[in-house]
């Protein structure tokens, strides 16, 4: 069911199926995989709580060139863009 929704680009429907099955983390991963980060953050916040939302915010800061401002209040990294942890930020 949800695989057809994903193939058709109906991510909200797929999200609903994931959440109903108790697998909200897969909905977050689905949204991250198609660069719908705000939706990933929304699902993490509503289904996983503040810590899950902070984790998605952390990844948004790392992987997006211009992450939403709400992400920066959680994580102030000395580098921006698509750097990975452990790399030299210079």
PDB file of N, CA and C in Angstrom:
ATOM      1  N   UNK A   1       0.816  -1.195   0.000  1.00  0.00           N
ATOM      2  CA  UNK A   1       0.000   0.000   0.000  1.00  0.00           C
ATOM      3  C   UNK A   1       0.860   1.260   0.000  1.00  0.00           C
ATOM      4  N   UNK A   2       1.719   1.386   1.040  1.00  0.00           N
ATOM      5  CA  UNK A   2       2.508   2.599   1.133  1.00  0.00           C
ATOM      6  C   UNK A   2       3.576   2.664   0.049  1.00  0.00           C
ATOM      7  N   UNK A   3       4.036   1.502  -0.446  1.00  0.00           N
ATOM      8  CA  UNK A   3       5.025   1.528  -1.520  1.00  0.00           C
ATOM      9  C   UNK A   3       4.435   2.123  -2.788  1.00  0.00           C
ATOM     10  N   UNK A   4       3.166   1.815  -3.074  1.00  0.00           N
ATOM     11  CA  UNK A   4       2.507   2.428  -4.226  1.00  0.00           C
ATOM     12  C   UNK A   4       2.386   3.926  -4.044  1.00  0.00           C
ATOM     13  N   UNK A   5       2.071   4.351  -2.833  1.00  0.00           N
ATOM     14  CA  UNK A   5       1.956   5.780  -2.555  1.00  0.00           C
ATOM     15  C   UNK A   5       3.289   6.476  -2.775  1.00  0.00           C
ATOM     16  N   UNK A   6       4.376   5.847  -2.351  1.00  0.00           N
ATOM     17  CA  UNK A   6       5.706   6.438  -2.540  1.00  0.00           C
ATOM     18  C   UNK A   6       6.038   6.519  -4.016  1.00  0.00           C
ATOM     19  N   UNK A   7       5.791   5.441  -4.751  1.00  0.00           N
ATOM     20  CA  UNK A   7       6.075   5.423  -6.192  1.00  0.00           C
ATOM     21  C   UNK A   7       5.308   6.512  -6.920  1.00  0.00           C
ATOM     22  N   UNK A   8       4.088   6.794  -6.452  1.00  0.00           N
ATOM     23  CA  UNK A   8       3.256   7.814  -7.086  1.00  0.00           C
ATOM     24  C   UNK A   8       3.575   9.214  -6.577  1.00  0.00           C
ATOM     25  N   UNK A   9       4.478   9.319  -5.609  1.00  0.00           N
ATOM     26  CA  UNK A   9       4.829  10.621  -5.048  1.00  0.00           C
ATOM     27  C   UNK A   9       3.838  11.124  -4.023  1.00  0.00           C
ATOM     28  N   UNK A  10       2.978  10.257  -3.556  1.00  0.00           N
ATOM     29  CA  UNK A  10       1.978  10.634  -2.553  1.00  0.00           C
ATOM     30  C   UNK A  10       2.560  10.340  -1.166  1.00  0.00           C
ATOM     31  N   UNK A  11       3.474  11.200  -0.745  1.00  0.00           N
ATOM     32  CA  UNK A  11       4.224  10.972   0.483  1.00  0.00           C
ATOM     33  C   UNK A  11       3.366  11.099   1.737  1.00  0.00           C
ATOM     34  N   UNK A  12       2.394  11.976   1.709  1.00  0.00           N
ATOM     35  CA  UNK A  12       1.510  12.108   2.881  1.00  0.00           C
ATOM     36  C   UNK A  12       0.739  10.820   3.142  1.00  0.00           C
ATOM     37  N   UNK A  13       0.286  10.189   2.087  1.00  0.00           N
ATOM     38  CA  UNK A  13      -0.426   8.924   2.243  1.00  0.00           C
ATOM     39  C   UNK A  13       0.518   7.851   2.782  1.00  0.00           C
ATOM     40  N   UNK A  14       1.729   7.798   2.247  1.00  0.00           N
ATOM     41  CA  UNK A  14       2.715   6.838   2.740  1.00  0.00           C
ATOM     42  C   UNK A  14       3.035   7.110   4.205  1.00  0.00           C
ATOM     43  N   UNK A  15       3.180   8.394   4.551  1.00  0.00           N
ATOM     44  CA  UNK A  15       3.418   8.760   5.945  1.00  0.00           C
ATOM     45  C   UNK A  15       2.311   8.229   6.849  1.00  0.00           C
ATOM     46  N   UNK A  16       1.080   8.417   6.427  1.00  0.00           N
ATOM     47  CA  UNK A  16      -0.055   7.963   7.217  1.00  0.00           C
ATOM     48  C   UNK A  16       0.016   6.452   7.451  1.00  0.00           C
ATOM     49  N   UNK A  17       0.376   5.705   6.409  1.00  0.00           N
ATOM     50  CA  UNK A  17       0.486   4.250   6.548  1.00  0.00           C
ATOM     51  C   UNK A  17       1.618   3.878   7.510  1.00  0.00           C
ATOM     52  N   UNK A  18       2.745   4.546   7.383  1.00  0.00           N
ATOM     53  CA  UNK A  18       3.866   4.276   8.291  1.00  0.00           C
ATOM     54  C   UNK A  18       3.473   4.548   9.741  1.00  0.00           C
ATOM     55  N   UNK A  19       2.854   5.706   9.964  1.00  0.00           N
ATOM     56  CA  UNK A  19       2.492   6.097  11.327  1.00  0.00           C
ATOM     57  C   UNK A  19       1.457   5.135  11.905  1.00  0.00           C
ATOM     58  N   UNK A  20       0.482   4.774  11.113  1.00  0.00           N
ATOM     59  CA  UNK A  20      -0.541   3.821  11.584  1.00  0.00           C
ATOM     60  C   UNK A  20       0.072   2.464  11.928  1.00  0.00           C
ATOM     61  N   UNK A  21       1.164   2.119  11.245  1.00  0.00           N
ATOM     62  CA  UNK A  21       1.839   0.844  11.513  1.00  0.00           C
ATOM     63  C   UNK A  21       2.832   0.975  12.674  1.00  0.00           C
ATOM     64  N   UNK A  22       2.944   2.182  13.234  1.00  0.00           N
ATOM     65  CA  UNK A  22       3.864   2.401  14.345  1.00  0.00           C
ATOM     66  C   UNK A  22       5.310   2.562  13.919  1.00  0.00           C
ATOM     67  N   UNK A  23       5.535   2.890  12.657  1.00  0.00           N
ATOM     68  CA  UNK A  23       6.882   3.004  12.106  1.00  0.00           C
ATOM     69  C   UNK A  23       7.144   4.421  11.599  1.00  0.00           C
ATOM     70  N   UNK A  24       6.996   5.397  12.489  1.00  0.00           N
ATOM     71  CA  UNK A  24       7.165   6.798  12.099  1.00  0.00           C
ATOM     72  C   UNK A  24       8.592   7.095  11.633  1.00  0.00           C
ATOM     73  N   UNK A  25       9.581   6.348  12.132  1.00  0.00           N
ATOM     74  CA  UNK A  25      10.971   6.593  11.720  1.00  0.00           C
ATOM     75  C   UNK A  25      11.159   6.343  10.226  1.00  0.00           C
ATOM     76  N   UNK A  26      10.442   5.373   9.686  1.00  0.00           N
ATOM     77  CA  UNK A  26      10.529   5.131   8.241  1.00  0.00           C
ATOM     78  C   UNK A  26       9.938   6.296   7.455  1.00  0.00           C
ATOM     79  N   UNK A  27       8.915   6.932   8.003  1.00  0.00           N
ATOM     80  CA  UNK A  27       8.355   8.117   7.343  1.00  0.00           C
ATOM     81  C   UNK A  27       9.385   9.247   7.339  1.00  0.00           C
ATOM     82  N   UNK A  28      10.094   9.407   8.442  1.00  0.00           N
ATOM     83  CA  UNK A  28      11.153  10.429   8.505  1.00  0.00           C
ATOM     84  C   UNK A  28      12.230  10.130   7.468  1.00  0.00           C
ATOM     85  N   UNK A  29      12.676   8.881   7.395  1.00  0.00           N
ATOM     86  CA  UNK A  29      13.693   8.499   6.414  1.00  0.00           C
ATOM     87  C   UNK A  29      13.201   8.689   4.986  1.00  0.00           C
ATOM     88  N   UNK A  30      11.937   8.384   4.742  1.00  0.00           N
ATOM     89  CA  UNK A  30      11.367   8.579   3.415  1.00  0.00           C
ATOM     90  C   UNK A  30      11.463  10.043   3.011  1.00  0.00           C
ATOM     91  N   UNK A  31      11.031  10.932   3.909  1.00  0.00           N
ATOM     92  CA  UNK A  31      11.072  12.360   3.603  1.00  0.00           C
ATOM     93  C   UNK A  31      12.500  12.859   3.426  1.00  0.00           C
ATOM     94  N   UNK A  32      13.421  12.381   4.259  1.00  0.00           N
ATOM     95  CA  UNK A  32      14.823  12.774   4.103  1.00  0.00           C
ATOM     96  C   UNK A  32      15.349  12.326   2.746  1.00  0.00           C
ATOM     97  N   UNK A  33      14.947  11.145   2.318  1.00  0.00           N
ATOM     98  CA  UNK A  33      15.423  10.593   1.054  1.00  0.00           C
ATOM     99  C   UNK A  33      14.986  11.367  -0.168  1.00  0.00           C
ATOM    100  N   UNK A  34      13.904  12.110  -0.053  1.00  0.00           N
ATOM    101  CA  UNK A  34      13.422  12.909  -1.185  1.00  0.00           C
ATOM    102  C   UNK A  34      13.573  14.407  -0.903  1.00  0.00           C
ATOM    103  N   UNK A  35      14.441  14.736   0.063  1.00  0.00           N
ATOM    104  CA  UNK A  35      14.767  16.126   0.423  1.00  0.00           C
ATOM    105  C   UNK A  35      13.561  16.943   0.875  1.00  0.00           C
ATOM    106  N   UNK A  36      12.630  16.305   1.540  1.00  0.00           N
ATOM    107  CA  UNK A  36      11.508  17.012   2.150  1.00  0.00           C
ATOM    108  C   UNK A  36      11.772  17.093   3.655  1.00  0.00           C
ATOM    109  N   UNK A  37      12.781  17.898   3.987  1.00  0.00           N
ATOM    110  CA  UNK A  37      13.286  17.966   5.348  1.00  0.00           C
ATOM    111  C   UNK A  37      12.284  18.537   6.338  1.00  0.00           C
ATOM    112  N   UNK A  38      11.528  19.526   5.915  1.00  0.00           N
ATOM    113  CA  UNK A  38      10.530  20.109   6.829  1.00  0.00           C
ATOM    114  C   UNK A  38       9.474  19.069   7.209  1.00  0.00           C
ATOM    115  N   UNK A  39       9.096  18.241   6.252  1.00  0.00           N
ATOM    116  CA  UNK A  39       8.141  17.171   6.559  1.00  0.00           C
ATOM    117  C   UNK A  39       8.785  16.136   7.478  1.00  0.00           C
ATOM    118  N   UNK A  40      10.052  15.825   7.248  1.00  0.00           N
ATOM    119  CA  UNK A  40      10.761  14.899   8.133  1.00  0.00           C
ATOM    120  C   UNK A  40      10.788  15.451   9.555  1.00  0.00           C
ATOM    121  N   UNK A  41      11.045  16.737   9.671  1.00  0.00           N
ATOM    122  CA  UNK A  41      11.086  17.376  10.993  1.00  0.00           C
ATOM    123  C   UNK A  41       9.707  17.347  11.648  1.00  0.00           C
ATOM    124  N   UNK A  42       8.676  17.621  10.866  1.00  0.00           N
ATOM    125  CA  UNK A  42       7.306  17.622  11.399  1.00  0.00           C
ATOM    126  C   UNK A  42       6.925  16.251  11.951  1.00  0.00           C
ATOM    127  N   UNK A  43       7.213  15.205  11.192  1.00  0.00           N
ATOM    128  CA  UNK A  43       6.881  13.857  11.645  1.00  0.00           C
ATOM    129  C   UNK A  43       7.694  13.502  12.891  1.00  0.00           C
ATOM    130  N   UNK A  44       8.967  13.834  12.881  1.00  0.00           N
ATOM    131  CA  UNK A  44       9.808  13.546  14.047  1.00  0.00           C
ATOM    132  C   UNK A  44       9.272  14.264  15.280  1.00  0.00           C
ATOM    133  N   UNK A  45       8.868  15.512  15.117  1.00  0.00           N
ATOM    134  CA  UNK A  45       8.353  16.293  16.247  1.00  0.00           C
ATOM    135  C   UNK A  45       7.035  15.719  16.767  1.00  0.00           C
ATOM    136  N   UNK A  46       6.116  15.437  15.865  1.00  0.00           N
ATOM    137  CA  UNK A  46       4.792  15.001  16.309  1.00  0.00           C
ATOM    138  C   UNK A  46       4.773  13.551  16.777  1.00  0.00           C
ATOM    139  N   UNK A  47       5.595  12.709  16.171  1.00  0.00           N
ATOM    140  CA  UNK A  47       5.563  11.289  16.511  1.00  0.00           C
ATOM    141  C   UNK A  47       6.662  10.861  17.482  1.00  0.00           C
ATOM    142  N   UNK A  48       7.819  11.497  17.376  1.00  0.00           N
ATOM    143  CA  UNK A  48       8.950  11.081  18.192  1.00  0.00           C
ATOM    144  C   UNK A  48       9.289  12.011  19.333  1.00  0.00           C
ATOM    145  N   UNK A  49       8.737  13.221  19.294  1.00  0.00           N
ATOM    146  CA  UNK A  49       8.988  14.166  20.368  1.00  0.00           C
ATOM    147  C   UNK A  49      10.173  15.085  20.105  1.00  0.00           C
ATOM    148  N   UNK A  50      10.500  15.903  21.109  1.00  0.00           N
ATOM    149  CA  UNK A  50      11.532  16.924  20.929  1.00  0.00           C
ATOM    150  C   UNK A  50      12.921  16.367  20.610  1.00  0.00           C
ATOM    151  N   UNK A  51      13.297  15.251  21.189  1.00  0.00           N
ATOM    152  CA  UNK A  51      14.628  14.714  20.895  1.00  0.00           C
ATOM    153  C   UNK A  51      14.743  14.229  19.458  1.00  0.00           C
ATOM    154  N   UNK A  52      13.706  13.609  18.945  1.00  0.00           N
ATOM    155  CA  UNK A  52      13.707  13.163  17.550  1.00  0.00           C
ATOM    156  C   UNK A  52      13.751  14.371  16.615  1.00  0.00           C
ATOM    157  N   UNK A  53      13.015  15.420  16.954  1.00  0.00           N
ATOM    158  CA  UNK A  53      13.024  16.637  16.133  1.00  0.00           C
ATOM    159  C   UNK A  53      14.404  17.285  16.146  1.00  0.00           C
ATOM    160  N   UNK A  54      15.070  17.275  17.293  1.00  0.00           N
ATOM    161  CA  UNK A  54      16.425  17.835  17.371  1.00  0.00           C
ATOM    162  C   UNK A  54      17.393  17.043  16.504  1.00  0.00           C
ATOM    163  N   UNK A  55      17.221  15.743  16.464  1.00  0.00           N
ATOM    164  CA  UNK A  55      18.099  14.918  15.637  1.00  0.00           C
ATOM    165  C   UNK A  55      17.918  15.260  14.159  1.00  0.00           C
ATOM    166  N   UNK A  56      16.681  15.429  13.717  1.00  0.00           N
ATOM    167  CA  UNK A  56      16.439  15.812  12.321  1.00  0.00           C
ATOM    168  C   UNK A  56      17.008  17.206  12.065  1.00  0.00           C
ATOM    169  N   UNK A  57      16.838  18.124  13.017  1.00  0.00           N
ATOM    170  CA  UNK A  57      17.404  19.465  12.877  1.00  0.00           C
ATOM    171  C   UNK A  57      18.923  19.392  12.716  1.00  0.00           C
ATOM    172  N   UNK A  58      19.555  18.529  13.478  1.00  0.00           N
ATOM    173  CA  UNK A  58      20.997  18.342  13.393  1.00  0.00           C
ATOM    174  C   UNK A  58      21.397  17.944  11.977  1.00  0.00           C
ATOM    175  N   UNK A  59      20.695  16.971  11.411  1.00  0.00           N
ATOM    176  CA  UNK A  59      21.004  16.544  10.047  1.00  0.00           C
ATOM    177  C   UNK A  59      20.711  17.639   9.030  1.00  0.00           C
ATOM    178  N   UNK A  60      19.702  18.444   9.286  1.00  0.00           N
ATOM    179  CA  UNK A  60      19.396  19.546   8.375  1.00  0.00           C
ATOM    180  C   UNK A  60      20.556  20.543   8.346  1.00  0.00           C
ATOM    181  N   UNK A  61      21.129  20.831   9.504  1.00  0.00           N
ATOM    182  CA  UNK A  61      22.257  21.761   9.577  1.00  0.00           C
ATOM    183  C   UNK A  61      23.449  21.193   8.816  1.00  0.00           C
ATOM    184  N   UNK A  62      23.670  19.900   8.927  1.00  0.00           N
ATOM    185  CA  UNK A  62      24.818  19.283   8.269  1.00  0.00           C
ATOM    186  C   UNK A  62      24.636  19.201   6.754  1.00  0.00           C
ATOM    187  N   UNK A  63      23.461  18.772   6.300  1.00  0.00           N
ATOM    188  CA  UNK A  63      23.301  18.427   4.897  1.00  0.00           C
ATOM    189  C   UNK A  63      22.698  19.516   4.009  1.00  0.00           C
ATOM    190  N   UNK A  64      22.079  20.522   4.588  1.00  0.00           N
ATOM    191  CA  UNK A  64      21.482  21.571   3.766  1.00  0.00           C
ATOM    192  C   UNK A  64      22.383  22.793   3.729  1.00  0.00           C
ATOM    193  N   UNK A  65      22.500  23.395   2.572  1.00  0.00           N
ATOM    194  CA  UNK A  65      23.318  24.601   2.461  1.00  0.00           C
ATOM    195  C   UNK A  65      22.697  25.770   3.204  1.00  0.00           C
ATOM    196  N   UNK A  66      21.384  25.831   3.237  1.00  0.00           N
ATOM    197  CA  UNK A  66      20.689  26.927   3.910  1.00  0.00           C
ATOM    198  C   UNK A  66      19.579  26.340   4.787  1.00  0.00           C
ATOM    199  N   UNK A  67      19.948  25.753   5.933  1.00  0.00           N
ATOM    200  CA  UNK A  67      18.927  25.135   6.786  1.00  0.00           C
ATOM    201  C   UNK A  67      18.008  26.173   7.404  1.00  0.00           C
ATOM    202  N   UNK A  68      16.789  25.781   7.737  1.00  0.00           N
ATOM    203  CA  UNK A  68      15.860  26.710   8.389  1.00  0.00           C
ATOM    204  C   UNK A  68      16.450  27.248   9.689  1.00  0.00           C
ATOM    205  N   UNK A  69      16.059  28.448  10.044  1.00  0.00           N
ATOM    206  CA  UNK A  69      16.618  29.106  11.225  1.00  0.00           C
ATOM    207  C   UNK A  69      16.352  28.336  12.514  1.00  0.00           C
ATOM    208  N   UNK A  70      15.244  27.620  12.603  1.00  0.00           N
ATOM    209  CA  UNK A  70      14.947  26.905  13.838  1.00  0.00           C
ATOM    210  C   UNK A  70      15.991  25.825  14.120  1.00  0.00           C
ATOM    211  N   UNK A  71      16.702  25.374  13.107  1.00  0.00           N
ATOM    212  CA  UNK A  71      17.722  24.350  13.319  1.00  0.00           C
ATOM    213  C   UNK A  71      18.932  24.905  14.054  1.00  0.00           C
ATOM    214  N   UNK A  72      19.250  26.145  13.787  1.00  0.00           N
ATOM    215  CA  UNK A  72      20.454  26.728  14.362  1.00  0.00           C
ATOM    216  C   UNK A  72      20.340  26.958  15.859  1.00  0.00           C
ATOM    217  N   UNK A  73      19.151  27.050  16.374  1.00  0.00           N
ATOM    218  CA  UNK A  73      19.039  27.255  17.816  1.00  0.00           C
ATOM    219  C   UNK A  73      19.443  26.000  18.587  1.00  0.00           C
ATOM    220  N   UNK A  74      19.429  24.841  17.912  1.00  0.00           N
ATOM    221  CA  UNK A  74      19.853  23.604  18.559  1.00  0.00           C
ATOM    222  C   UNK A  74      21.336  23.323  18.339  1.00  0.00           C
ATOM    223  N   UNK A  75      21.828  23.641  17.155  1.00  0.00           N
ATOM    224  CA  UNK A  75      23.186  23.258  16.806  1.00  0.00           C
ATOM    225  C   UNK A  75      23.911  24.426  16.163  1.00  0.00           C
ATOM    226  N   UNK A  76      25.003  24.815  16.754  1.00  0.00           N
ATOM    227  CA  UNK A  76      25.851  25.858  16.191  1.00  0.00           C
ATOM    228  C   UNK A  76      27.174  25.196  15.812  1.00  0.00           C
ATOM    229  N   UNK A  77      27.282  24.831  14.568  1.00  0.00           N
ATOM    230  CA  UNK A  77      28.480  24.152  14.101  1.00  0.00           C
ATOM    231  C   UNK A  77      29.423  25.166  13.467  1.00  0.00           C
ATOM    232  N   UNK A  78      30.729  24.926  13.548  1.00  0.00           N
ATOM    233  CA  UNK A  78      31.699  25.874  13.008  1.00  0.00           C
ATOM    234  C   UNK A  78      31.840  25.800  11.498  1.00  0.00           C
ATOM    235  N   UNK A  79      31.016  25.048  10.836  1.00  0.00           N
ATOM    236  CA  UNK A  79      31.061  24.938   9.389  1.00  0.00           C
ATOM    237  C   UNK A  79      29.646  24.811   8.853  1.00  0.00           C
ATOM    238  N   UNK A  80      29.496  25.001   7.566  1.00  0.00           N
ATOM    239  CA  UNK A  80      28.166  24.879   6.970  1.00  0.00           C
ATOM    240  C   UNK A  80      28.281  24.079   5.674  1.00  0.00           C
ATOM    241  N   UNK A  81      27.188  23.895   5.027  1.00  0.00           N
ATOM    242  CA  UNK A  81      27.187  23.147   3.786  1.00  0.00           C
ATOM    243  C   UNK A  81      27.161  21.662   4.042  1.00  0.00           C
ATOM    244  N   UNK A  82      27.617  20.897   3.089  1.00  0.00           N
ATOM    245  CA  UNK A  82      27.510  19.450   3.179  1.00  0.00           C
ATOM    246  C   UNK A  82      28.803  18.847   3.713  1.00  0.00           C
ATOM    247  N   UNK A  83      29.192  19.268   4.869  1.00  0.00           N
ATOM    248  CA  UNK A  83      30.350  18.698   5.556  1.00  0.00           C
ATOM    249  C   UNK A  83      29.861  17.546   6.428  1.00  0.00           C
ATOM    250  N   UNK A  84      30.756  16.703   6.781  1.00  0.00           N
ATOM    251  CA  UNK A  84      30.415  15.590   7.643  1.00  0.00           C
ATOM    252  C   UNK A  84      31.179  15.718   8.940  1.00  0.00           C
ATOM    253  N   UNK A  85      30.608  15.219  10.003  1.00  0.00           N
ATOM    254  CA  UNK A  85      31.277  15.258  11.289  1.00  0.00           C
ATOM    255  C   UNK A  85      32.617  14.555  11.184  1.00  0.00           C
ATOM    256  N   UNK A  86      33.590  15.111  11.844  1.00  0.00           N
ATOM    257  CA  UNK A  86      34.916  14.509  11.834  1.00  0.00           C
ATOM    258  C   UNK A  86      35.824  15.092  10.769  1.00  0.00           C
ATOM    259  N   UNK A  87      35.255  15.810   9.804  1.00  0.00           N
ATOM    260  CA  UNK A  87      36.089  16.442   8.786  1.00  0.00           C
ATOM    261  C   UNK A  87      36.660  17.725   9.328  1.00  0.00           C
ATOM    262  N   UNK A  88      37.753  18.132   8.764  1.00  0.00           N
ATOM    263  CA  UNK A  88      38.354  19.399   9.134  1.00  0.00           C
ATOM    264  C   UNK A  88      37.508  20.519   8.538  1.00  0.00           C
ATOM    265  N   UNK A  89      36.992  21.443   9.357  1.00  0.00           N
ATOM    266  CA  UNK A  89      36.084  22.473   8.847  1.00  0.00           C
ATOM    267  C   UNK A  89      36.773  23.561   8.050  1.00  0.00           C
ATOM    268  N   UNK A  90      38.079  23.530   7.925  1.00  0.00           N
ATOM    269  CA  UNK A  90      38.781  24.603   7.224  1.00  0.00           C
ATOM    270  C   UNK A  90      38.771  24.427   5.741  1.00  0.00           C
TER     271      UNK A  90
END
